Amino acid sequence: MGTLVIDCDRCAVRGAACHDCVVSVLLGPPVGVVWDADERRAVDALAEAGMVPRLRLVPASDRKPA
């Protein structure tokens, strides 16, 4: 697990899922975020404990056609 770059502008569910995304809860709706492996594990642990919602990022390039 390396660095995770979260580019909200490229998220396929931006708008519809922002209210339930850990990025919006922790930081507000940012343009982009970079988390290293330690930060990602910490956010995952917070989500597992129910303290924050899960990351809802769906990169547009990874989105499956409907």
N, C-alpha and C. Protein backbone atom coordinates (compact mmCIF):
# COMPACT_ATOMS: atom_id res chain seq x y z
N MET A 1 0.86 -1.17 0.00
CA MET A 1 0.00 0.00 0.00
C MET A 1 0.90 1.23 0.00
N GLY A 2 1.00 1.91 -1.13
CA GLY A 2 1.83 3.10 -1.25
C GLY A 2 1.05 4.35 -0.96
N THR A 3 1.36 5.39 -1.67
CA THR A 3 0.67 6.67 -1.53
C THR A 3 -0.65 6.63 -2.29
N LEU A 4 -1.69 7.14 -1.68
CA LEU A 4 -3.00 7.22 -2.31
C LEU A 4 -3.28 8.68 -2.64
N VAL A 5 -3.50 8.98 -3.90
CA VAL A 5 -3.84 10.33 -4.33
C VAL A 5 -5.34 10.38 -4.55
N ILE A 6 -6.00 11.24 -3.81
CA ILE A 6 -7.44 11.39 -3.92
C ILE A 6 -7.71 12.69 -4.66
N ASP A 7 -8.20 12.59 -5.86
CA ASP A 7 -8.53 13.75 -6.68
C ASP A 7 -10.04 13.80 -6.80
N CYS A 8 -10.67 14.60 -5.97
CA CYS A 8 -12.13 14.65 -5.94
C CYS A 8 -12.71 15.10 -7.28
N ASP A 9 -11.95 15.87 -8.04
CA ASP A 9 -12.43 16.31 -9.35
C ASP A 9 -12.56 15.14 -10.33
N ARG A 10 -11.84 14.03 -10.08
CA ARG A 10 -11.89 12.87 -10.97
C ARG A 10 -12.74 11.74 -10.41
N CYS A 11 -13.41 11.95 -9.29
CA CYS A 11 -14.23 10.91 -8.68
C CYS A 11 -15.56 10.79 -9.42
N ALA A 12 -15.88 9.57 -9.84
CA ALA A 12 -17.09 9.32 -10.62
C ALA A 12 -18.37 9.54 -9.83
N VAL A 13 -18.31 9.49 -8.49
CA VAL A 13 -19.51 9.66 -7.67
C VAL A 13 -19.50 10.99 -6.92
N ARG A 14 -18.66 11.93 -7.37
CA ARG A 14 -18.61 13.23 -6.73
C ARG A 14 -19.98 13.89 -6.76
N GLY A 15 -20.32 14.51 -5.70
CA GLY A 15 -21.63 15.14 -5.58
C GLY A 15 -22.60 14.20 -4.91
N ALA A 16 -22.87 13.08 -5.55
CA ALA A 16 -23.84 12.11 -5.01
C ALA A 16 -23.33 11.44 -3.74
N ALA A 17 -22.02 11.24 -3.61
CA ALA A 17 -21.48 10.50 -2.47
C ALA A 17 -20.61 11.35 -1.55
N CYS A 18 -20.46 12.63 -1.84
CA CYS A 18 -19.57 13.48 -1.04
C CYS A 18 -20.00 13.55 0.43
N HIS A 19 -21.29 13.59 0.67
CA HIS A 19 -21.78 13.74 2.05
C HIS A 19 -21.41 12.55 2.93
N ASP A 20 -21.14 11.41 2.31
CA ASP A 20 -20.85 10.19 3.06
C ASP A 20 -19.43 9.69 2.79
N CYS A 21 -18.51 10.62 2.52
CA CYS A 21 -17.12 10.28 2.22
C CYS A 21 -16.23 10.83 3.33
N VAL A 22 -15.27 10.04 3.75
CA VAL A 22 -14.38 10.45 4.83
C VAL A 22 -13.62 11.73 4.49
N VAL A 23 -13.30 11.95 3.24
CA VAL A 23 -12.57 13.17 2.86
C VAL A 23 -13.40 14.40 3.20
N SER A 24 -14.68 14.39 2.83
CA SER A 24 -15.55 15.53 3.12
C SER A 24 -15.76 15.71 4.61
N VAL A 25 -15.88 14.60 5.35
CA VAL A 25 -16.08 14.69 6.79
C VAL A 25 -14.87 15.28 7.49
N LEU A 26 -13.67 14.83 7.10
CA LEU A 26 -12.46 15.29 7.77
C LEU A 26 -11.96 16.64 7.27
N LEU A 27 -12.07 16.90 5.97
CA LEU A 27 -11.43 18.07 5.38
C LEU A 27 -12.35 19.04 4.67
N GLY A 28 -13.62 18.71 4.52
CA GLY A 28 -14.47 19.49 3.65
C GLY A 28 -14.23 19.02 2.23
N PRO A 29 -14.95 19.54 1.26
CA PRO A 29 -14.77 19.07 -0.12
C PRO A 29 -13.51 19.64 -0.77
N PRO A 30 -12.37 18.93 -0.67
CA PRO A 30 -11.13 19.44 -1.25
C PRO A 30 -11.00 19.14 -2.73
N VAL A 31 -10.05 19.78 -3.37
CA VAL A 31 -9.74 19.50 -4.77
C VAL A 31 -8.97 18.20 -4.88
N GLY A 32 -8.04 17.96 -3.98
CA GLY A 32 -7.25 16.74 -4.00
C GLY A 32 -6.54 16.52 -2.69
N VAL A 33 -6.28 15.27 -2.37
CA VAL A 33 -5.64 14.90 -1.11
C VAL A 33 -4.60 13.82 -1.42
N VAL A 34 -3.48 13.84 -0.72
CA VAL A 34 -2.49 12.78 -0.85
C VAL A 34 -2.28 12.17 0.52
N TRP A 35 -2.54 10.86 0.64
CA TRP A 35 -2.33 10.14 1.89
C TRP A 35 -1.25 9.10 1.68
N ASP A 36 -0.31 9.00 2.61
CA ASP A 36 0.67 7.92 2.53
C ASP A 36 0.07 6.67 3.18
N ALA A 37 0.81 5.58 3.19
CA ALA A 37 0.30 4.31 3.68
C ALA A 37 -0.12 4.39 5.15
N ASP A 38 0.66 5.08 5.98
CA ASP A 38 0.32 5.21 7.39
C ASP A 38 -0.99 5.98 7.58
N GLU A 39 -1.13 7.06 6.83
CA GLU A 39 -2.37 7.85 6.93
C GLU A 39 -3.57 7.05 6.45
N ARG A 40 -3.38 6.31 5.39
CA ARG A 40 -4.47 5.48 4.87
C ARG A 40 -4.90 4.43 5.90
N ARG A 41 -3.92 3.78 6.55
CA ARG A 41 -4.24 2.79 7.60
C ARG A 41 -4.98 3.46 8.76
N ALA A 42 -4.58 4.66 9.12
CA ALA A 42 -5.24 5.37 10.22
C ALA A 42 -6.69 5.69 9.87
N VAL A 43 -6.93 6.17 8.66
CA VAL A 43 -8.29 6.47 8.23
C VAL A 43 -9.12 5.19 8.14
N ASP A 44 -8.52 4.12 7.65
CA ASP A 44 -9.22 2.83 7.60
C ASP A 44 -9.59 2.36 9.01
N ALA A 45 -8.69 2.55 9.98
CA ALA A 45 -8.97 2.15 11.37
C ALA A 45 -10.11 2.98 11.95
N LEU A 46 -10.12 4.29 11.67
CA LEU A 46 -11.22 5.14 12.12
C LEU A 46 -12.55 4.69 11.52
N ALA A 47 -12.53 4.32 10.25
CA ALA A 47 -13.76 3.85 9.59
C ALA A 47 -14.20 2.52 10.18
N GLU A 48 -13.26 1.61 10.42
CA GLU A 48 -13.60 0.31 11.03
C GLU A 48 -14.25 0.50 12.39
N ALA A 49 -13.82 1.51 13.14
CA ALA A 49 -14.36 1.78 14.47
C ALA A 49 -15.67 2.55 14.40
N GLY A 50 -16.10 2.94 13.20
CA GLY A 50 -17.35 3.69 13.05
C GLY A 50 -17.23 5.16 13.38
N MET A 51 -16.01 5.67 13.46
CA MET A 51 -15.81 7.06 13.83
C MET A 51 -15.90 8.02 12.65
N VAL A 52 -15.64 7.54 11.46
CA VAL A 52 -15.77 8.33 10.23
C VAL A 52 -16.33 7.41 9.15
N PRO A 53 -16.96 7.98 8.12
CA PRO A 53 -17.40 7.13 7.02
C PRO A 53 -16.21 6.63 6.21
N ARG A 54 -16.43 5.62 5.41
CA ARG A 54 -15.39 5.07 4.54
C ARG A 54 -15.10 6.02 3.39
N LEU A 55 -13.93 5.86 2.80
CA LEU A 55 -13.58 6.59 1.59
C LEU A 55 -14.49 6.10 0.47
N ARG A 56 -15.16 7.00 -0.20
CA ARG A 56 -16.11 6.65 -1.26
C ARG A 56 -15.54 6.89 -2.65
N LEU A 57 -14.26 7.14 -2.74
CA LEU A 57 -13.62 7.48 -4.02
C LEU A 57 -13.83 6.37 -5.05
N VAL A 58 -14.34 6.75 -6.20
CA VAL A 58 -14.47 5.87 -7.35
C VAL A 58 -13.82 6.61 -8.50
N PRO A 59 -12.54 6.35 -8.77
CA PRO A 59 -11.88 7.06 -9.87
C PRO A 59 -12.63 6.85 -11.19
N ALA A 60 -12.83 7.91 -11.92
CA ALA A 60 -13.58 7.83 -13.16
C ALA A 60 -13.02 6.82 -14.11
N SER A 61 -11.71 6.61 -14.14
CA SER A 61 -11.11 5.65 -15.05
C SER A 61 -11.39 4.22 -14.62
N ASP A 62 -11.75 3.99 -13.34
CA ASP A 62 -12.05 2.66 -12.83
C ASP A 62 -13.53 2.32 -12.86
N ARG A 63 -14.34 3.28 -13.22
CA ARG A 63 -15.80 3.11 -13.20
C ARG A 63 -16.23 2.12 -14.28
N LYS A 64 -17.07 1.18 -13.89
CA LYS A 64 -17.57 0.20 -14.86
C LYS A 64 -18.75 0.79 -15.62
N PRO A 65 -18.88 0.51 -16.92
CA PRO A 65 -19.99 1.04 -17.69
C PRO A 65 -21.32 0.48 -17.18
N ALA A 66 -22.35 1.29 -17.28
CA ALA A 66 -23.69 0.88 -16.80
C ALA A 66 -24.37 -0.08 -17.73
